Amino acid sequence: YQKFFRRSWFHRQWVIQEVVLAKDVQILCGQHQMSFSNFVTGHLLHRRTRFYGRTQFLRSYVATHDD
């Protein structure tokens, strides 16, 4: 996970500019592809579960998304 985010690609100015200005951003890595919004959501969920622990995160998620 950290190896992925340490890639120089994430620090290139033109990449940041393209992401900010684009209407539809797709993340490509090898043969894998996903939307930027799904990428960000996955990143945030990963960070949250690492910080809180999976069990507490799942309890919190279920409590706030109980329909």
N, C-alpha and C. Protein backbone atom coordinates (compact mmCIF):
# COMPACT_ATOMS: atom_id res chain seq x y z
N TYR A 1 0.82 -1.20 0.00
CA TYR A 1 0.00 0.00 0.00
C TYR A 1 0.87 1.26 0.00
N GLN A 2 1.78 1.35 0.95
CA GLN A 2 2.65 2.53 1.02
C GLN A 2 3.57 2.60 -0.19
N LYS A 3 4.01 1.45 -0.67
CA LYS A 3 4.87 1.42 -1.85
C LYS A 3 4.15 2.06 -3.04
N PHE A 4 2.85 1.79 -3.14
CA PHE A 4 2.06 2.36 -4.23
C PHE A 4 2.04 3.88 -4.14
N PHE A 5 1.80 4.44 -2.96
CA PHE A 5 1.69 5.89 -2.80
C PHE A 5 3.05 6.59 -2.79
N ARG A 6 4.11 5.86 -2.69
CA ARG A 6 5.45 6.46 -2.76
C ARG A 6 5.95 6.64 -4.19
N ARG A 7 5.21 6.14 -5.14
CA ARG A 7 5.62 6.28 -6.54
C ARG A 7 5.74 7.76 -6.90
N SER A 8 6.73 8.06 -7.71
CA SER A 8 6.97 9.46 -8.08
C SER A 8 5.78 10.07 -8.82
N TRP A 9 4.96 9.24 -9.42
CA TRP A 9 3.81 9.70 -10.17
C TRP A 9 2.93 10.62 -9.33
N PHE A 10 2.77 10.31 -8.05
CA PHE A 10 1.89 11.09 -7.18
C PHE A 10 2.44 12.47 -6.84
N HIS A 11 3.69 12.71 -7.17
CA HIS A 11 4.32 13.99 -6.81
C HIS A 11 4.62 14.86 -8.03
N ARG A 12 4.25 14.41 -9.19
CA ARG A 12 4.50 15.18 -10.42
C ARG A 12 3.45 16.28 -10.57
N GLN A 13 3.90 17.48 -10.81
CA GLN A 13 2.99 18.64 -10.89
C GLN A 13 1.95 18.48 -11.99
N TRP A 14 2.34 17.98 -13.15
CA TRP A 14 1.38 17.87 -14.25
C TRP A 14 0.29 16.85 -13.94
N VAL A 15 0.61 15.83 -13.17
CA VAL A 15 -0.39 14.83 -12.79
C VAL A 15 -1.41 15.46 -11.85
N ILE A 16 -0.93 16.19 -10.88
CA ILE A 16 -1.82 16.87 -9.93
C ILE A 16 -2.72 17.85 -10.68
N GLN A 17 -2.15 18.60 -11.61
CA GLN A 17 -2.92 19.56 -12.40
C GLN A 17 -3.99 18.83 -13.22
N GLU A 18 -3.66 17.73 -13.85
CA GLU A 18 -4.62 16.98 -14.65
C GLU A 18 -5.77 16.45 -13.79
N VAL A 19 -5.46 15.97 -12.61
CA VAL A 19 -6.50 15.44 -11.73
C VAL A 19 -7.44 16.55 -11.28
N VAL A 20 -6.89 17.69 -10.94
CA VAL A 20 -7.70 18.81 -10.45
C VAL A 20 -8.61 19.35 -11.55
N LEU A 21 -8.12 19.42 -12.78
CA LEU A 21 -8.88 20.02 -13.86
C LEU A 21 -9.80 19.06 -14.61
N ALA A 22 -9.60 17.77 -14.46
CA ALA A 22 -10.37 16.80 -15.23
C ALA A 22 -11.78 16.63 -14.67
N LYS A 23 -12.71 16.30 -15.55
CA LYS A 23 -14.08 16.03 -15.15
C LYS A 23 -14.26 14.56 -14.75
N ASP A 24 -13.54 13.68 -15.40
CA ASP A 24 -13.65 12.24 -15.12
C ASP A 24 -12.24 11.66 -15.06
N VAL A 25 -11.80 11.33 -13.87
CA VAL A 25 -10.44 10.82 -13.68
C VAL A 25 -10.50 9.31 -13.47
N GLN A 26 -9.67 8.60 -14.19
CA GLN A 26 -9.54 7.16 -14.04
C GLN A 26 -8.12 6.84 -13.58
N ILE A 27 -7.99 5.99 -12.60
CA ILE A 27 -6.69 5.56 -12.10
C ILE A 27 -6.34 4.25 -12.80
N LEU A 28 -5.16 4.21 -13.43
CA LEU A 28 -4.69 3.01 -14.11
C LEU A 28 -3.39 2.56 -13.47
N CYS A 29 -3.29 1.27 -13.20
CA CYS A 29 -2.06 0.70 -12.66
C CYS A 29 -1.92 -0.70 -13.26
N GLY A 30 -1.02 -0.84 -14.20
CA GLY A 30 -0.90 -2.11 -14.90
C GLY A 30 -2.17 -2.38 -15.67
N GLN A 31 -2.79 -3.50 -15.42
CA GLN A 31 -4.05 -3.85 -16.10
C GLN A 31 -5.28 -3.48 -15.28
N HIS A 32 -5.08 -2.82 -14.14
CA HIS A 32 -6.19 -2.46 -13.25
C HIS A 32 -6.63 -1.02 -13.51
N GLN A 33 -7.92 -0.77 -13.36
CA GLN A 33 -8.48 0.56 -13.57
C GLN A 33 -9.62 0.79 -12.60
N MET A 34 -9.75 2.02 -12.09
CA MET A 34 -10.89 2.39 -11.25
C MET A 34 -11.08 3.91 -11.31
N SER A 35 -12.27 4.35 -10.95
CA SER A 35 -12.55 5.78 -10.95
C SER A 35 -11.78 6.44 -9.80
N PHE A 36 -11.50 7.70 -9.96
CA PHE A 36 -10.77 8.44 -8.93
C PHE A 36 -11.57 8.50 -7.64
N SER A 37 -12.89 8.64 -7.74
CA SER A 37 -13.72 8.69 -6.52
C SER A 37 -13.64 7.37 -5.76
N ASN A 38 -13.66 6.24 -6.45
CA ASN A 38 -13.51 4.95 -5.77
C ASN A 38 -12.12 4.80 -5.18
N PHE A 39 -11.13 5.31 -5.88
CA PHE A 39 -9.75 5.27 -5.40
C PHE A 39 -9.62 6.05 -4.09
N VAL A 40 -10.17 7.25 -4.05
CA VAL A 40 -10.10 8.09 -2.85
C VAL A 40 -10.88 7.44 -1.71
N THR A 41 -12.07 6.92 -2.00
CA THR A 41 -12.86 6.25 -0.97
C THR A 41 -12.10 5.07 -0.38
N GLY A 42 -11.49 4.26 -1.23
CA GLY A 42 -10.69 3.13 -0.76
C GLY A 42 -9.51 3.57 0.09
N HIS A 43 -8.87 4.63 -0.33
CA HIS A 43 -7.73 5.16 0.43
C HIS A 43 -8.17 5.63 1.82
N LEU A 44 -9.27 6.36 1.87
CA LEU A 44 -9.78 6.86 3.15
C LEU A 44 -10.22 5.71 4.06
N LEU A 45 -10.88 4.72 3.49
CA LEU A 45 -11.30 3.56 4.29
C LEU A 45 -10.08 2.81 4.83
N HIS A 46 -9.07 2.68 4.01
CA HIS A 46 -7.85 2.01 4.46
C HIS A 46 -7.20 2.76 5.62
N ARG A 47 -7.10 4.06 5.48
CA ARG A 47 -6.50 4.86 6.55
C ARG A 47 -7.32 4.77 7.83
N ARG A 48 -8.64 4.84 7.70
CA ARG A 48 -9.51 4.81 8.87
C ARG A 48 -9.42 3.46 9.57
N THR A 49 -9.43 2.37 8.82
CA THR A 49 -9.38 1.05 9.45
C THR A 49 -8.02 0.81 10.10
N ARG A 50 -6.97 1.36 9.54
CA ARG A 50 -5.65 1.22 10.16
C ARG A 50 -5.59 2.01 11.46
N PHE A 51 -6.24 3.17 11.51
CA PHE A 51 -6.20 4.02 12.69
C PHE A 51 -7.09 3.46 13.81
N TYR A 52 -8.32 3.11 13.48
CA TYR A 52 -9.29 2.68 14.49
C TYR A 52 -9.28 1.17 14.73
N GLY A 53 -8.77 0.44 13.79
CA GLY A 53 -8.89 -1.02 13.86
C GLY A 53 -10.16 -1.44 13.15
N ARG A 54 -10.13 -2.58 12.55
CA ARG A 54 -11.26 -3.01 11.72
C ARG A 54 -12.55 -3.18 12.51
N THR A 55 -12.50 -3.78 13.66
CA THR A 55 -13.72 -4.04 14.43
C THR A 55 -14.42 -2.75 14.81
N GLN A 56 -13.69 -1.79 15.35
CA GLN A 56 -14.31 -0.53 15.76
C GLN A 56 -14.80 0.23 14.54
N PHE A 57 -14.05 0.20 13.44
CA PHE A 57 -14.49 0.89 12.24
C PHE A 57 -15.80 0.31 11.74
N LEU A 58 -15.90 -1.02 11.69
CA LEU A 58 -17.12 -1.65 11.20
C LEU A 58 -18.32 -1.31 12.09
N ARG A 59 -18.12 -1.30 13.40
CA ARG A 59 -19.21 -0.92 14.31
C ARG A 59 -19.64 0.53 14.05
N SER A 60 -18.68 1.40 13.89
CA SER A 60 -18.97 2.81 13.64
C SER A 60 -19.68 2.97 12.30
N TYR A 61 -19.21 2.26 11.28
CA TYR A 61 -19.82 2.37 9.94
C TYR A 61 -21.25 1.88 9.97
N VAL A 62 -21.49 0.74 10.60
CA VAL A 62 -22.85 0.19 10.68
C VAL A 62 -23.75 1.13 11.46
N ALA A 63 -23.26 1.71 12.54
CA ALA A 63 -24.07 2.61 13.36
C ALA A 63 -24.47 3.87 12.59
N THR A 64 -23.60 4.37 11.73
CA THR A 64 -23.89 5.60 11.00
C THR A 64 -24.59 5.37 9.68
N HIS A 65 -24.62 4.12 9.20
CA HIS A 65 -25.26 3.83 7.92
C HIS A 65 -26.41 2.84 8.08
N ASP A 66 -27.03 2.83 9.23
CA ASP A 66 -28.15 1.93 9.49
C ASP A 66 -29.41 2.51 8.88
N ASP A 67 -29.89 1.87 7.82
CA ASP A 67 -31.09 2.39 7.12
C ASP A 67 -32.33 1.66 7.56
